Amino acid sequence: MARPPALLPDAEALRGRIGADGRLAVRVTAGAREDSVTLFDEAVLVKVRAPADKGAANEAVISVVARALGLAPSRVRLLRGAASREKLLAVEL
């Protein structure tokens, strides 16, 4: 069975959450049922199917956020939070 497509917000709405310094703070749920990015009042929630094991979830977060922004994954990198649910990403627009 094919994997369902990720549920992603409008790219411009997500770009509006990126700070002037190119940083995006996200809260991650690993091992979720489906990949998604959800925008709340002050938070960006990223859910990924990958388990929180050996960096698999971190790689998935980078991939999903890049896809939501319409960027290559090489333009998004993890700055802080490798072992935490709260992560800080650097985004090159």
Protein backbone atom coordinates (compact mmCIF):
# COMPACT_ATOMS: atom_id res chain seq x y z
CA MET A 1 0.00 0.00 0.00
CA ALA A 2 1.30 3.45 -0.89
CA ARG A 3 2.20 5.89 1.84
CA PRO A 4 -0.31 8.78 2.09
CA PRO A 5 0.99 12.21 1.07
CA ALA A 6 2.17 14.52 3.81
CA LEU A 7 -0.30 17.11 5.10
CA LEU A 8 1.45 20.42 4.51
CA PRO A 9 0.42 24.06 5.05
CA ASP A 10 0.70 26.83 2.51
CA ALA A 11 4.40 27.49 1.90
CA GLU A 12 4.00 31.25 2.34
CA ALA A 13 2.29 30.82 5.72
CA LEU A 14 5.17 28.65 6.90
CA ARG A 15 7.75 31.09 5.52
CA GLY A 16 6.11 33.78 7.64
CA ARG A 17 7.15 31.82 10.74
CA ILE A 18 10.84 31.96 9.82
CA GLY A 19 12.69 34.68 11.73
CA ALA A 20 14.76 37.41 10.10
CA ASP A 21 17.85 35.36 11.01
CA GLY A 22 16.56 32.36 9.01
CA ARG A 23 15.63 30.27 12.05
CA LEU A 24 12.47 28.23 12.49
CA ALA A 25 11.47 26.73 15.85
CA VAL A 26 9.43 23.52 15.65
CA ARG A 27 7.95 20.97 18.03
CA VAL A 28 8.29 17.39 16.78
CA THR A 29 6.26 14.23 17.28
CA ALA A 30 8.17 11.18 16.07
CA GLY A 31 6.50 7.86 15.27
CA ALA A 32 3.29 9.56 14.12
CA ARG A 33 0.70 7.96 11.87
CA GLU A 34 1.49 10.35 9.01
CA ASP A 35 3.92 13.12 8.10
CA SER A 36 2.49 16.60 8.59
CA VAL A 37 3.25 20.22 9.39
CA THR A 38 0.62 22.14 11.36
CA LEU A 39 0.66 25.84 12.17
CA PHE A 40 -0.78 26.95 15.50
CA ASP A 41 -0.91 30.46 16.98
CA GLU A 42 2.74 30.60 18.04
CA ALA A 43 3.98 27.09 17.25
CA VAL A 44 4.88 24.91 14.30
CA LEU A 45 4.13 21.23 14.97
CA VAL A 46 5.89 18.69 12.76
CA LYS A 47 4.79 15.05 12.87
CA VAL A 48 6.93 12.40 11.21
CA ARG A 49 6.49 8.66 10.76
CA ALA A 50 10.15 7.95 11.47
CA PRO A 51 11.04 6.71 14.97
CA ALA A 52 13.14 8.80 17.34
CA ASP A 53 16.06 6.40 16.94
CA LYS A 54 19.58 7.12 15.64
CA GLY A 55 18.59 10.46 14.10
CA ALA A 56 15.93 9.04 11.79
CA ALA A 57 13.29 11.48 13.03
CA ASN A 58 15.66 14.45 12.66
CA GLU A 59 16.31 13.54 9.01
CA ALA A 60 12.57 13.15 8.44
CA VAL A 61 11.84 16.55 10.03
CA ILE A 62 14.34 18.24 7.71
CA SER A 63 12.80 16.49 4.71
CA VAL A 64 9.18 17.32 5.61
CA VAL A 65 9.92 20.97 6.44
CA ALA A 66 11.90 21.39 3.22
CA ARG A 67 9.04 19.85 1.22
CA ALA A 68 6.53 22.16 2.94
CA LEU A 69 8.66 25.18 2.02
CA GLY A 70 9.31 23.99 -1.53
CA LEU A 71 13.07 23.80 -0.92
CA ALA A 72 15.76 21.16 -1.29
CA PRO A 73 16.51 19.36 1.99
CA SER A 74 20.10 20.62 1.79
CA ARG A 75 18.76 24.15 2.48
CA VAL A 76 17.36 23.15 5.89
CA ARG A 77 19.61 22.04 8.75
CA LEU A 78 19.28 21.28 12.42
CA LEU A 79 20.89 23.87 14.69
CA ARG A 80 19.70 22.73 18.10
CA GLY A 81 17.59 19.97 19.65
CA ALA A 82 18.96 16.75 18.18
CA ALA A 83 17.69 14.78 21.20
CA SER A 84 14.70 16.99 22.05
CA ARG A 85 11.14 17.49 20.79
CA GLU A 86 11.86 21.23 20.56
CA LYS A 87 14.13 21.86 17.58
CA LEU A 88 15.65 24.92 15.97
CA LEU A 89 16.19 24.75 12.22
CA ALA A 90 18.22 27.02 9.94
CA VAL A 91 16.46 27.69 6.64
CA GLU A 92 18.16 29.17 3.58
CA LEU A 93 15.46 30.83 1.48
